[in-house]
C-alpha atoms as a PDB file:
ATOM      1  CA  MET A   1     -64.592  35.317 -26.433  1.00  0.00           C
ATOM      2  CA  LEU A   2     -65.558  37.429 -29.440  1.00  0.00           C
ATOM      3  CA  LEU A   3     -63.600  40.278 -30.969  1.00  0.00           C
ATOM      4  CA  THR A   4     -64.915  43.787 -30.394  1.00  0.00           C
ATOM      5  CA  PRO A   5     -64.940  46.228 -33.337  1.00  0.00           C
ATOM      6  CA  MET A   6     -61.573  47.528 -32.126  1.00  0.00           C
ATOM      7  CA  GLY A   7     -60.355  43.952 -31.882  1.00  0.00           C
ATOM      8  CA  GLU A   8     -61.393  43.357 -35.488  1.00  0.00           C
ATOM      9  CA  LEU A   9     -59.298  46.331 -36.587  1.00  0.00           C
ATOM     10  CA  ALA A  10     -56.287  45.054 -34.640  1.00  0.00           C
ATOM     11  CA  HIS A  11     -56.737  41.483 -35.857  1.00  0.00           C
ATOM     12  CA  LYS A  12     -56.780  42.488 -39.552  1.00  0.00           C
ATOM     13  CA  ARG A  13     -53.582  44.448 -39.141  1.00  0.00           C
ATOM     14  CA  PHE A  14     -51.984  41.650 -37.139  1.00  0.00           C
ATOM     15  CA  LEU A  15     -52.667  39.123 -39.891  1.00  0.00           C
ATOM     16  CA  ARG A  16     -50.840  41.346 -42.359  1.00  0.00           C
ATOM     17  CA  ILE A  17     -47.935  41.777 -39.950  1.00  0.00           C
ATOM     18  CA  ALA A  18     -47.797  38.023 -39.411  1.00  0.00           C
ATOM     19  CA  GLN A  19     -47.681  37.490 -43.169  1.00  0.00           C
ATOM     20  CA  GLU A  20     -44.688  39.862 -43.609  1.00  0.00           C
ATOM     21  CA  LEU A  21     -42.701  38.529 -40.629  1.00  0.00           C
ATOM     22  CA  GLY A  22     -43.655  34.956 -41.446  1.00  0.00           C
ATOM     23  CA  ALA A  23     -41.986  35.355 -44.866  1.00  0.00           C
ATOM     24  CA  VAL A  24     -38.834  36.548 -43.082  1.00  0.00           C
ATOM     25  CA  LEU A  25     -38.911  33.565 -40.725  1.00  0.00           C
ATOM     26  CA  ASP A  26     -39.479  31.132 -43.613  1.00  0.00           C
ATOM     27  CA  GLU A  27     -36.512  32.476 -45.532  1.00  0.00           C
ATOM     28  CA  ALA A  28     -34.281  32.524 -42.423  1.00  0.00           C
ATOM     29  CA  ALA A  29     -35.181  28.868 -41.732  1.00  0.00           C
ATOM     30  CA  VAL A  30     -34.008  27.626 -45.158  1.00  0.00           C
ATOM     31  CA  GLY A  31     -31.122  25.260 -44.639  1.00  0.00           C
ATOM     32  CA  ARG A  32     -31.605  25.111 -40.881  1.00  0.00           C
ATOM     33  CA  ASP A  33     -33.379  22.521 -38.765  1.00  0.00           C
ATOM     34  CA  SER A  34     -35.566  25.130 -37.117  1.00  0.00           C
ATOM     35  CA  LEU A  35     -35.622  28.606 -35.686  1.00  0.00           C
ATOM     36  CA  THR A  36     -35.843  28.953 -31.916  1.00  0.00           C
ATOM     37  CA  ALA A  37     -38.855  30.493 -30.220  1.00  0.00           C
ATOM     38  CA  ALA A  38     -36.524  33.325 -29.261  1.00  0.00           C
ATOM     39  CA  ALA A  39     -36.291  34.341 -32.931  1.00  0.00           C
ATOM     40  CA  LEU A  40     -40.020  34.980 -32.942  1.00  0.00           C
ATOM     41  CA  ASP A  41     -39.779  37.075 -29.775  1.00  0.00           C
ATOM     42  CA  VAL A  42     -36.857  39.080 -31.177  1.00  0.00           C
ATOM     43  CA  LEU A  43     -38.640  39.735 -34.474  1.00  0.00           C
ATOM     44  CA  TYR A  44     -41.932  40.879 -32.953  1.00  0.00           C
ATOM     45  CA  ASP A  45     -40.416  44.025 -31.413  1.00  0.00           C
ATOM     46  CA  GLU A  46     -41.355  47.395 -32.926  1.00  0.00           C
ATOM     47  CA  LYS A  47     -38.382  49.320 -31.555  1.00  0.00           C
ATOM     48  CA  ARG A  48     -35.931  46.743 -32.872  1.00  0.00           C
ATOM     49  CA  LEU A  49     -37.496  46.765 -36.330  1.00  0.00           C
ATOM     50  CA  LEU A  50     -37.505  50.572 -36.308  1.00  0.00           C
ATOM     51  CA  ALA A  51     -33.793  50.653 -35.449  1.00  0.00           C
ATOM     52  CA  VAL A  52     -32.977  48.360 -38.342  1.00  0.00           C
ATOM     53  CA  SER A  53     -35.194  50.361 -40.708  1.00  0.00           C
ATOM     54  CA  LEU A  54     -33.523  53.652 -39.771  1.00  0.00           C
ATOM     55  CA  LEU A  55     -30.065  52.142 -40.032  1.00  0.00           C
ATOM     56  CA  ALA A  56     -30.827  50.959 -43.565  1.00  0.00           C
ATOM     57  CA  GLU A  57     -31.840  54.544 -44.417  1.00  0.00           C
ATOM     58  CA  VAL A  58     -29.060  56.601 -42.753  1.00  0.00           C
ATOM     59  CA  HIS A  59     -26.231  53.962 -42.579  1.00  0.00           C
ATOM     60  CA  HIS A  60     -24.935  55.436 -39.295  1.00  0.00           C
ATOM     61  CA  MET A  61     -25.595  53.991 -35.832  1.00  0.00           C
ATOM     62  CA  PRO A  62     -25.059  57.177 -33.795  1.00  0.00           C
ATOM     63  CA  THR A  63     -27.638  58.960 -35.946  1.00  0.00           C
ATOM     64  CA  VAL A  64     -30.166  56.131 -35.372  1.00  0.00           C
ATOM     65  CA  GLY A  65     -29.441  56.314 -31.612  1.00  0.00           C
ATOM     66  CA  ARG A  66     -30.069  60.088 -31.521  1.00  0.00           C
ATOM     67  CA  HIS A  67     -33.314  59.637 -33.437  1.00  0.00           C
ATOM     68  CA  LEU A  68     -34.569  56.941 -31.100  1.00  0.00           C
ATOM     69  CA  GLY A  69     -33.197  58.521 -27.932  1.00  0.00           C
ATOM     70  CA  VAL A  70     -30.900  55.566 -27.099  1.00  0.00           C
ATOM     71  CA  SER A  71     -27.148  55.020 -27.097  1.00  0.00           C
ATOM     72  CA  GLN A  72     -25.123  53.680 -30.030  1.00  0.00           C
ATOM     73  CA  PRO A  73     -24.321  50.461 -28.118  1.00  0.00           C
ATOM     74  CA  ALA A  74     -28.062  49.895 -27.624  1.00  0.00           C
ATOM     75  CA  VAL A  75     -28.622  50.174 -31.370  1.00  0.00           C
ATOM     76  CA  SER A  76     -25.715  47.856 -32.055  1.00  0.00           C
ATOM     77  CA  ALA A  77     -27.029  45.323 -29.542  1.00  0.00           C
ATOM     78  CA  ALA A  78     -30.530  45.420 -31.085  1.00  0.00           C
ATOM     79  CA  VAL A  79     -29.192  44.777 -34.571  1.00  0.00           C
ATOM     80  CA  ALA A  80     -26.806  42.070 -33.390  1.00  0.00           C
ATOM     81  CA  ARG A  81     -29.546  40.269 -31.499  1.00  0.00           C
ATOM     82  CA  LEU A  82     -31.786  40.224 -34.552  1.00  0.00           C
ATOM     83  CA  GLU A  83     -28.928  38.956 -36.743  1.00  0.00           C
ATOM     84  CA  ARG A  84     -28.181  36.127 -34.268  1.00  0.00           C
ATOM     85  CA  ALA A  85     -31.824  35.114 -34.006  1.00  0.00           C
ATOM     86  CA  LEU A  86     -32.282  35.006 -37.782  1.00  0.00           C
ATOM     87  CA  GLY A  87     -28.891  33.573 -38.567  1.00  0.00           C
ATOM     88  CA  HIS A  88     -28.054  36.147 -41.235  1.00  0.00           C
ATOM     89  CA  LYS A  89     -25.938  39.252 -41.435  1.00  0.00           C
ATOM     90  CA  LEU A  90     -28.156  42.245 -42.131  1.00  0.00           C
ATOM     91  CA  PHE A  91     -25.498  44.970 -42.586  1.00  0.00           C
ATOM     92  CA  LEU A  92     -21.924  45.273 -43.806  1.00  0.00           C
ATOM     93  CA  ARG A  93     -19.502  48.022 -42.834  1.00  0.00           C
ATOM     94  CA  THR A  94     -18.362  49.935 -45.918  1.00  0.00           C
ATOM     95  CA  ALA A  95     -16.760  53.263 -46.798  1.00  0.00           C
ATOM     96  CA  ARG A  96     -20.320  54.644 -47.147  1.00  0.00           C
ATOM     97  CA  GLY A  97     -21.349  53.419 -43.717  1.00  0.00           C
ATOM     98  CA  LEU A  98     -23.382  50.387 -42.684  1.00  0.00           C
ATOM     99  CA  MET A  99     -25.091  49.095 -45.830  1.00  0.00           C
ATOM    100  CA  PRO A 100     -27.749  46.362 -45.952  1.00  0.00           C
ATOM    101  CA  THR A 101     -26.761  42.991 -47.328  1.00  0.00           C
ATOM    102  CA  ASP A 102     -28.945  41.504 -50.076  1.00  0.00           C
ATOM    103  CA  VAL A 103     -30.983  39.574 -47.575  1.00  0.00           C
ATOM    104  CA  GLY A 104     -30.999  42.535 -45.232  1.00  0.00           C
ATOM    105  CA  ALA A 105     -32.455  44.780 -47.920  1.00  0.00           C
ATOM    106  CA  ARG A 106     -35.244  42.278 -48.638  1.00  0.00           C
ATOM    107  CA  TRP A 107     -36.138  41.918 -44.990  1.00  0.00           C
ATOM    108  CA  VAL A 108     -35.913  45.616 -44.213  1.00  0.00           C
ATOM    109  CA  ARG A 109     -38.598  46.242 -46.841  1.00  0.00           C
ATOM    110  CA  ARG A 110     -40.824  43.755 -44.981  1.00  0.00           C
ATOM    111  CA  PHE A 111     -39.959  45.364 -41.612  1.00  0.00           C
ATOM    112  CA  ASP A 112     -40.986  48.737 -43.078  1.00  0.00           C
ATOM    113  CA  ARG A 113     -44.320  47.331 -44.159  1.00  0.00           C
ATOM    114  CA  VAL A 114     -44.856  45.973 -40.635  1.00  0.00           C
ATOM    115  CA  LEU A 115     -44.145  49.418 -39.206  1.00  0.00           C
ATOM    116  CA  ALA A 116     -46.596  50.918 -41.686  1.00  0.00           C
ATOM    117  CA  GLU A 117     -49.318  48.483 -40.539  1.00  0.00           C
ATOM    118  CA  LEU A 118     -48.721  49.584 -36.916  1.00  0.00           C
ATOM    119  CA  ARG A 119     -49.048  53.244 -37.918  1.00  0.00           C
ATOM    120  CA  TYR A 120     -52.250  52.495 -39.818  1.00  0.00           C
ATOM    121  CA  LEU A 121     -53.640  50.630 -36.830  1.00  0.00           C
ATOM    122  CA  GLU A 122     -53.212  53.676 -34.593  1.00  0.00           C
ATOM    123  CA  ASP A 123     -54.975  55.851 -37.198  1.00  0.00           C
ATOM    124  CA  ASP A 124     -57.782  53.322 -37.643  1.00  0.00           C
ATOM    125  CA  VAL A 125     -58.443  53.078 -33.894  1.00  0.00           C
ATOM    126  CA  ALA A 126     -58.528  56.889 -33.617  1.00  0.00           C
ATOM    127  CA  ALA A 127     -61.001  57.062 -36.513  1.00  0.00           C
ATOM    128  CA  ALA A 128     -63.172  54.381 -34.883  1.00  0.00           C
ATOM    129  CA  ARG A 129     -63.285  56.576 -31.783  1.00  0.00           C
ATOM    130  CA  GLY A 130     -64.512  59.473 -33.850  1.00  0.00           C
ATOM    131  CA  THR A 131     -61.236  61.400 -34.300  1.00  0.00           C
ATOM    132  CA  MET A 132     -59.373  61.226 -37.583  1.00  0.00           C
ATOM    133  CA  GLU A 133     -55.684  61.805 -36.921  1.00  0.00           C
ATOM    134  CA  GLY A 134     -52.239  60.589 -37.939  1.00  0.00           C
ATOM    135  CA  VAL A 135     -49.795  61.360 -40.726  1.00  0.00           C
ATOM    136  CA  ILE A 136     -50.461  60.757 -44.439  1.00  0.00           C
ATOM    137  CA  THR A 137     -47.376  60.542 -46.629  1.00  0.00           C
ATOM    138  CA  VAL A 138     -47.957  61.368 -50.303  1.00  0.00           C
ATOM    139  CA  GLY A 139     -45.367  60.998 -53.034  1.00  0.00           C
ATOM    140  CA  THR A 140     -46.032  63.960 -55.321  1.00  0.00           C
ATOM    141  CA  LEU A 141     -45.047  64.515 -58.937  1.00  0.00           C
ATOM    142  CA  PRO A 142     -44.979  68.039 -60.325  1.00  0.00           C
ATOM    143  CA  LEU A 143     -48.410  68.487 -61.898  1.00  0.00           C
ATOM    144  CA  VAL A 144     -50.540  67.894 -58.812  1.00  0.00           C
ATOM    145  CA  ARG A 145     -48.616  70.169 -56.485  1.00  0.00           C
ATOM    146  CA  THR A 146     -50.215  73.327 -57.876  1.00  0.00           C
ATOM    147  CA  HIS A 147     -53.929  72.691 -57.655  1.00  0.00           C
ATOM    148  CA  VAL A 148     -55.251  69.159 -57.139  1.00  0.00           C
ATOM    149  CA  LEU A 149     -53.336  68.205 -53.989  1.00  0.00           C
ATOM    150  CA  PRO A 150     -53.616  71.606 -52.252  1.00  0.00           C
ATOM    151  CA  CYS A 151     -57.350  71.599 -52.952  1.00  0.00           C
ATOM    152  CA  ALA A 152     -57.768  68.083 -51.512  1.00  0.00           C
ATOM    153  CA  ILE A 153     -55.647  68.805 -48.410  1.00  0.00           C
ATOM    154  CA  SER A 154     -57.547  72.029 -47.662  1.00  0.00           C
ATOM    155  CA  SER A 155     -60.848  70.218 -47.998  1.00  0.00           C
ATOM    156  CA  LEU A 156     -59.796  67.352 -45.742  1.00  0.00           C
ATOM    157  CA  LEU A 157     -58.175  69.482 -43.032  1.00  0.00           C
ATOM    158  CA  ALA A 158     -61.268  71.676 -42.825  1.00  0.00           C
ATOM    159  CA  LYS A 159     -63.124  68.583 -41.614  1.00  0.00           C
ATOM    160  CA  HIS A 160     -60.269  66.869 -39.731  1.00  0.00           C
ATOM    161  CA  PRO A 161     -57.821  69.468 -38.411  1.00  0.00           C
ATOM    162  CA  ARG A 162     -55.774  66.951 -36.385  1.00  0.00           C
ATOM    163  CA  LEU A 163     -54.482  65.224 -39.527  1.00  0.00           C
ATOM    164  CA  GLN A 164     -51.001  65.887 -40.906  1.00  0.00           C
ATOM    165  CA  VAL A 165     -49.951  65.497 -44.528  1.00  0.00           C
ATOM    166  CA  GLN A 166     -46.344  64.981 -45.621  1.00  0.00           C
ATOM    167  CA  SER A 167     -45.537  65.622 -49.275  1.00  0.00           C
ATOM    168  CA  VAL A 168     -42.467  63.798 -50.587  1.00  0.00           C
ATOM    169  CA  GLU A 169     -40.941  65.336 -53.728  1.00  0.00           C
ATOM    170  CA  SER A 170     -38.438  62.818 -55.083  1.00  0.00           C
ATOM    171  CA  PRO A 171     -37.625  61.163 -58.414  1.00  0.00           C
ATOM    172  CA  TYR A 172     -40.268  58.627 -59.450  1.00  0.00           C
ATOM    173  CA  GLU A 173     -37.996  55.639 -58.815  1.00  0.00           C
ATOM    174  CA  GLN A 174     -37.379  56.705 -55.200  1.00  0.00           C
ATOM    175  CA  LEU A 175     -41.076  57.300 -54.664  1.00  0.00           C
ATOM    176  CA  CYS A 176     -41.827  53.769 -55.917  1.00  0.00           C
ATOM    177  CA  ALA A 177     -39.239  52.352 -53.496  1.00  0.00           C
ATOM    178  CA  GLY A 178     -40.945  54.254 -50.659  1.00  0.00           C
ATOM    179  CA  LEU A 179     -44.331  52.999 -51.803  1.00  0.00           C
ATOM    180  CA  LEU A 180     -43.228  49.369 -51.828  1.00  0.00           C
ATOM    181  CA  SER A 181     -41.747  49.672 -48.325  1.00  0.00           C
ATOM    182  CA  GLY A 182     -44.855  51.368 -46.900  1.00  0.00           C
ATOM    183  CA  LYS A 183     -43.088  54.632 -46.135  1.00  0.00           C
ATOM    184  CA  VAL A 184     -45.155  56.374 -48.801  1.00  0.00           C
ATOM    185  CA  ASP A 185     -48.935  55.806 -48.739  1.00  0.00           C
ATOM    186  CA  PHE A 186     -49.537  56.579 -52.437  1.00  0.00           C
ATOM    187  CA  ILE A 187     -48.068  58.481 -55.344  1.00  0.00           C
ATOM    188  CA  LEU A 188     -50.044  61.200 -57.074  1.00  0.00           C
ATOM    189  CA  GLY A 189     -49.085  62.482 -60.536  1.00  0.00           C
ATOM    190  CA  ALA A 190     -48.595  61.499 -64.155  1.00  0.00           C
ATOM    191  CA  LEU A 191     -49.030  57.747 -64.546  1.00  0.00           C
ATOM    192  CA  ARG A 192     -46.249  55.626 -66.030  1.00  0.00           C
ATOM    193  CA  PRO A 193     -46.129  52.048 -67.243  1.00  0.00           C
ATOM    194  CA  LEU A 194     -45.928  49.833 -64.181  1.00  0.00           C
ATOM    195  CA  ALA A 195     -42.723  47.793 -64.288  1.00  0.00           C
ATOM    196  CA  ASP A 196     -43.484  46.128 -60.932  1.00  0.00           C
ATOM    197  CA  LYS A 197     -46.516  43.894 -60.469  1.00  0.00           C
ATOM    198  CA  ALA A 198     -46.531  44.902 -56.806  1.00  0.00           C
ATOM    199  CA  LEU A 199     -47.859  48.328 -57.877  1.00  0.00           C
ATOM    200  CA  THR A 200     -51.271  49.285 -59.163  1.00  0.00           C
ATOM    201  CA  SER A 201     -52.630  52.541 -60.581  1.00  0.00           C
ATOM    202  CA  GLU A 202     -55.948  54.366 -60.845  1.00  0.00           C
ATOM    203  CA  PRO A 203     -56.393  57.037 -63.574  1.00  0.00           C
ATOM    204  CA  LEU A 204     -58.134  60.209 -62.387  1.00  0.00           C
ATOM    205  CA  PHE A 205     -58.178  62.496 -65.411  1.00  0.00           C
ATOM    206  CA  ALA A 206     -56.484  63.213 -68.709  1.00  0.00           C
ATOM    207  CA  ASP A 207     -54.440  66.396 -68.596  1.00  0.00           C
ATOM    208  CA  ARG A 208     -53.982  68.338 -71.806  1.00  0.00           C
ATOM    209  CA  LEU A 209     -50.673  70.116 -72.412  1.00  0.00           C
ATOM    210  CA  GLY A 210     -49.940  73.472 -73.927  1.00  0.00           C
ATOM    211  CA  LEU A 211     -46.991  75.454 -75.311  1.00  0.00           C
ATOM    212  CA  MET A 212     -46.140  78.060 -72.685  1.00  0.00           C
ATOM    213  CA  ALA A 213     -43.967  81.151 -72.526  1.00  0.00           C
ATOM    214  CA  SER A 214     -43.694  84.622 -70.998  1.00  0.00           C
ATOM    215  CA  ALA A 215     -46.567  86.943 -71.761  1.00  0.00           C
ATOM    216  CA  ASN A 216     -43.954  89.183 -73.436  1.00  0.00           C
ATOM    217  CA  HIS A 217     -42.604  86.421 -75.647  1.00  0.00           C
ATOM    218  CA  PRO A 218     -42.346  87.340 -79.356  1.00  0.00           C
ATOM    219  CA  LEU A 219     -44.474  84.359 -80.343  1.00  0.00           C
ATOM    220  CA  ASN A 220     -47.379  85.590 -78.237  1.00  0.00           C
ATOM    221  CA  ARG A 221     -47.949  88.331 -80.840  1.00  0.00           C
ATOM    222  CA  ARG A 222     -48.352  85.823 -83.677  1.00  0.00           C
ATOM    223  CA  ARG A 223     -51.731  84.471 -84.650  1.00  0.00           C
ATOM    224  CA  ARG A 224     -50.222  81.441 -86.365  1.00  0.00           C
ATOM    225  CA  ILE A 225     -47.170  79.643 -85.075  1.00  0.00           C
ATOM    226  CA  ARG A 226     -45.375  77.067 -87.199  1.00  0.00           C
ATOM    227  CA  PHE A 227     -42.985  74.308 -86.171  1.00  0.00           C
ATOM    228  CA  GLN A 228     -40.076  76.147 -87.730  1.00  0.00           C
ATOM    229  CA  ASP A 229     -40.845  79.156 -85.497  1.00  0.00           C
ATOM    230  CA  LEU A 230     -40.282  76.983 -82.424  1.00  0.00           C
ATOM    231  CA  ARG A 231     -36.710  76.219 -83.440  1.00  0.00           C
ATOM    232  CA  GLU A 232     -35.727  79.871 -83.058  1.00  0.00           C
ATOM    233  CA  PHE A 233     -36.016  79.796 -79.247  1.00  0.00           C
ATOM    234  CA  PRO A 234     -34.450  77.846 -76.367  1.00  0.00           C
ATOM    235  CA  TRP A 235     -36.483  75.275 -74.446  1.00  0.00           C
ATOM    236  CA  VAL A 236     -36.743  74.149 -70.832  1.00  0.00           C
ATOM    237  CA  LEU A 237     -38.210  70.655 -70.402  1.00  0.00           C
ATOM    238  CA  SER A 238     -38.457  67.792 -67.957  1.00  0.00           C
ATOM    239  CA  ARG A 239     -35.733  65.190 -67.944  1.00  0.00           C
ATOM    240  CA  SER A 240     -35.329  62.596 -70.665  1.00  0.00           C
ATOM    241  CA  GLY A 241     -37.378  59.475 -70.050  1.00  0.00           C
ATOM    242  CA  THR A 242     -40.214  61.215 -68.204  1.00  0.00           C
ATOM    243  CA  PRO A 243     -43.775  60.737 -69.525  1.00  0.00           C
ATOM    244  CA  LEU A 244     -43.890  64.373 -70.711  1.00  0.00           C
ATOM    245  CA  ARG A 245     -40.733  64.061 -72.821  1.00  0.00           C
ATOM    246  CA  GLU A 246     -41.927  60.800 -74.329  1.00  0.00           C
ATOM    247  CA  SER A 247     -45.353  62.302 -75.206  1.00  0.00           C
ATOM    248  CA  LEU A 248     -43.644  65.360 -76.695  1.00  0.00           C
ATOM    249  CA  ALA A 249     -41.363  63.199 -78.862  1.00  0.00           C
ATOM    250  CA  THR A 250     -44.361  61.213 -80.115  1.00  0.00           C
ATOM    251  CA  PHE A 251     -46.261  64.405 -80.905  1.00  0.00           C
ATOM    252  CA  PHE A 252     -43.417  65.917 -82.955  1.00  0.00           C
ATOM    253  CA  ALA A 253     -42.717  62.603 -84.718  1.00  0.00           C
ATOM    254  CA  ALA A 254     -46.388  62.347 -85.729  1.00  0.00           C
ATOM    255  CA  HIS A 255     -45.955  65.697 -87.518  1.00  0.00           C
ATOM    256  CA  GLY A 256     -42.684  64.664 -89.145  1.00  0.00           C
ATOM    257  CA  GLU A 257     -40.649  66.957 -86.971  1.00  0.00           C
ATOM    258  CA  ALA A 258     -37.710  66.387 -84.638  1.00  0.00           C
ATOM    259  CA  ALA A 259     -38.467  66.903 -80.970  1.00  0.00           C
ATOM    260  CA  PRO A 260     -36.948  70.074 -79.453  1.00  0.00           C
ATOM    261  CA  MET A 261     -33.621  69.689 -77.659  1.00  0.00           C
ATOM    262  CA  PRO A 262     -33.847  71.467 -74.329  1.00  0.00           C
ATOM    263  CA  THR A 263     -31.282  74.012 -73.231  1.00  0.00           C
ATOM    264  CA  VAL A 264     -32.302  73.274 -69.657  1.00  0.00           C
ATOM    265  CA  GLU A 265     -33.666  69.989 -68.231  1.00  0.00           C
ATOM    266  CA  THR A 266     -35.373  70.169 -64.836  1.00  0.00           C
ATOM    267  CA  GLY A 267     -38.319  68.794 -62.918  1.00  0.00           C
ATOM    268  CA  ASP A 268     -38.391  71.848 -60.645  1.00  0.00           C
ATOM    269  CA  LEU A 269     -41.467  73.921 -61.430  1.00  0.00           C
ATOM    270  CA  ALA A 270     -40.001  76.979 -59.707  1.00  0.00           C
ATOM    271  CA  MET A 271     -37.010  76.771 -62.032  1.00  0.00           C
ATOM    272  CA  VAL A 272     -39.246  76.471 -65.083  1.00  0.00           C
ATOM    273  CA  ARG A 273     -41.343  79.436 -63.943  1.00  0.00           C
ATOM    274  CA  GLY A 274     -38.281  81.590 -63.347  1.00  0.00           C
ATOM    275  CA  LEU A 275     -36.708  80.762 -66.713  1.00  0.00           C
ATOM    276  CA  LEU A 276     -39.916  81.542 -68.604  1.00  0.00           C
ATOM    277  CA  LEU A 277     -40.346  84.853 -66.830  1.00  0.00           C
ATOM    278  CA  GLN A 278     -36.699  85.866 -67.386  1.00  0.00           C
ATOM    279  CA  GLY A 279     -36.375  85.311 -71.113  1.00  0.00           C
ATOM    280  CA  PRO A 280     -37.507  83.852 -74.413  1.00  0.00           C
ATOM    281  CA  MET A 281     -37.633  80.208 -73.324  1.00  0.00           C
ATOM    282  CA  LEU A 282     -40.462  77.862 -74.272  1.00  0.00           C
ATOM    283  CA  THR A 283     -41.862  74.857 -72.482  1.00  0.00           C
ATOM    284  CA  VAL A 284     -44.668  72.362 -72.739  1.00  0.00           C
ATOM    285  CA  LEU A 285     -46.615  71.842 -69.537  1.00  0.00           C
ATOM    286  CA  SER A 286     -50.085  71.273 -68.194  1.00  0.00           C
ATOM    287  CA  THR A 287     -51.786  74.640 -68.061  1.00  0.00           C
ATOM    288  CA  HIS A 288     -52.873  73.669 -64.499  1.00  0.00           C
ATOM    289  CA  GLN A 289     -49.276  73.816 -63.319  1.00  0.00           C
ATOM    290  CA  LEU A 290     -48.817  77.520 -64.060  1.00  0.00           C
ATOM    291  CA  ARG A 291     -52.442  78.585 -63.940  1.00  0.00           C
ATOM    292  CA  TYR A 292     -51.823  81.321 -61.318  1.00  0.00           C
ATOM    293  CA  GLU A 293     -49.119  82.973 -63.453  1.00  0.00           C
ATOM    294  CA  VAL A 294     -51.351  82.748 -66.530  1.00  0.00           C
ATOM    295  CA  ASP A 295     -54.285  84.285 -64.636  1.00  0.00           C
ATOM    296  CA  ALA A 296     -51.979  87.073 -63.425  1.00  0.00           C
ATOM    297  CA  GLY A 297     -50.904  87.850 -66.971  1.00  0.00           C
ATOM    298  CA  GLN A 298     -47.264  86.876 -66.414  1.00  0.00           C
ATOM    299  CA  LEU A 299     -47.226  83.764 -68.590  1.00  0.00           C
ATOM    300  CA  CYS A 300     -49.363  82.669 -71.495  1.00  0.00           C
ATOM    301  CA  VAL A 301     -50.438  79.605 -73.482  1.00  0.00           C
ATOM    302  CA  LEU A 302     -49.285  80.212 -77.057  1.00  0.00           C
ATOM    303  CA  ARG A 303     -51.595  79.740 -80.049  1.00  0.00           C
ATOM    304  CA  PHE A 304     -49.985  76.546 -81.200  1.00  0.00           C
ATOM    305  CA  PRO A 305     -52.354  73.558 -81.522  1.00  0.00           C
ATOM    306  CA  MET A 306     -51.220  70.432 -79.707  1.00  0.00           C
ATOM    307  CA  GLU A 307     -54.209  68.160 -80.141  1.00  0.00           C
ATOM    308  CA  GLY A 308     -53.667  64.651 -78.895  1.00  0.00           C
ATOM    309  CA  LEU A 309     -50.860  65.618 -76.529  1.00  0.00           C
ATOM    310  CA  GLN A 310     -52.012  64.648 -73.053  1.00  0.00           C
ATOM    311  CA  ARG A 311     -50.987  62.784 -69.955  1.00  0.00           C
ATOM    312  CA  HIS A 312     -53.072  60.565 -67.706  1.00  0.00           C
ATOM    313  CA  ILE A 313     -52.937  61.726 -64.077  1.00  0.00           C
ATOM    314  CA  GLY A 314     -53.712  59.337 -61.308  1.00  0.00           C
ATOM    315  CA  VAL A 315     -52.826  57.518 -58.121  1.00  0.00           C
ATOM    316  CA  THR A 316     -50.272  54.721 -57.767  1.00  0.00           C
ATOM    317  CA  THR A 317     -50.501  52.405 -54.758  1.00  0.00           C
ATOM    318  CA  ARG A 318     -48.957  49.174 -53.564  1.00  0.00           C
ATOM    319  CA  ALA A 319     -51.043  46.237 -54.763  1.00  0.00           C
ATOM    320  CA  GLY A 320     -53.043  44.762 -51.914  1.00  0.00           C
ATOM    321  CA  ALA A 321     -52.180  47.604 -49.504  1.00  0.00           C
ATOM    322  CA  HIS A 322     -54.820  48.431 -46.881  1.00  0.00           C
ATOM    323  CA  LEU A 323     -54.351  52.122 -46.287  1.00  0.00           C
ATOM    324  CA  SER A 324     -55.416  53.928 -43.161  1.00  0.00           C
ATOM    325  CA  VAL A 325     -58.848  55.530 -42.919  1.00  0.00           C
ATOM    326  CA  ALA A 326     -57.101  58.951 -43.085  1.00  0.00           C
ATOM    327  CA  ALA A 327     -55.214  58.090 -46.296  1.00  0.00           C
ATOM    328  CA  LEU A 328     -58.420  56.819 -47.877  1.00  0.00           C
ATOM    329  CA  ALA A 329     -60.153  60.051 -46.899  1.00  0.00           C
ATOM    330  CA  LEU A 330     -57.421  62.085 -48.642  1.00  0.00           C
ATOM    331  CA  LEU A 331     -57.773  59.913 -51.741  1.00  0.00           C
ATOM    332  CA  ALA A 332     -61.513  60.612 -51.743  1.00  0.00           C
ATOM    333  CA  ALA A 333     -60.824  64.362 -51.495  1.00  0.00           C
ATOM    334  CA  ILE A 334     -58.332  64.126 -54.387  1.00  0.00           C
ATOM    335  CA  ARG A 335     -60.952  62.495 -56.570  1.00  0.00           C
ATOM    336  CA  GLU A 336     -63.379  65.282 -55.779  1.00  0.00           C
ATOM    337  CA  CYS A 337     -60.783  67.984 -56.628  1.00  0.00           C
ATOM    338  CA  SER A 338     -59.715  66.355 -59.884  1.00  0.00           C
ATOM    339  CA  PRO A 339     -60.941  68.168 -62.989  1.00  0.00           C
ATOM    340  CA  ALA A 340     -63.822  66.585 -64.883  1.00  0.00           C
ATOM    341  CA  GLU A 341     -62.926  64.693 -68.075  1.00  0.00           C
END
């Protein structure tokens, strides 16, 4: 008996699932003579793993039951059976709801990766049959939401209208957690130093930054703007610790100047846009992020040289991840829509 092409797809995904669940079984077996065959049967159950995954996210059994279309006792029984089979408590009841134990949190991450492999398998089989479909989940950071990602999505959906794309706008740390669990396919935006060896990144382009303000801003009438002129106006910037703030601090320090202290800190581009349009605030952003307002004559890039101030924009993925055909197609479209160096 030889595997068909569809069988090859399924087999590759199964090996990855077996690796994740095998690691759970190995850890559960530590200090015990052996695990029963029933533990294997209990673990290889998609609905049971999904119930545990949802419970780790929402911490509330009735909510999990409503989502899955089953009763709360059914959810409780599924979790209890898995705990008995593995010999470990996965959740503890707290004032904040049912929270994963330490071992529960480790295993839930592996369960989530198993569920991701099953989703990818469905997408791969559909693509092999000639229809690209499924859901692609992209963690998006501010810069790419204006031009690069919309361009890539439009290009891809024109060829494959049955695809769906979910954009997740969360703090970088939360996006990384979703990436490691398989709930996020990849992160697109400004690259940061990778603190986790389980992540890998691919630079796409270097994005130059500019000093931006309202088209009616007093500094827009000046041919030459000095550092001391900037101190006369309030600033709106991204939060402390972000790549933009660190680059800005380095730029000012290189010129012997103190970095501006923002009056407003936000990562919300709509908030930045509104503040710039309403008053004399300044900001430093990629000109791509507010290109439509600049083209419309509402905002402007001030004549203040900021040579050397740039960010590297790229894609962050989980090391060793085998994304679905659909996710890889979106990545290819993103590369095509990225500006040339």
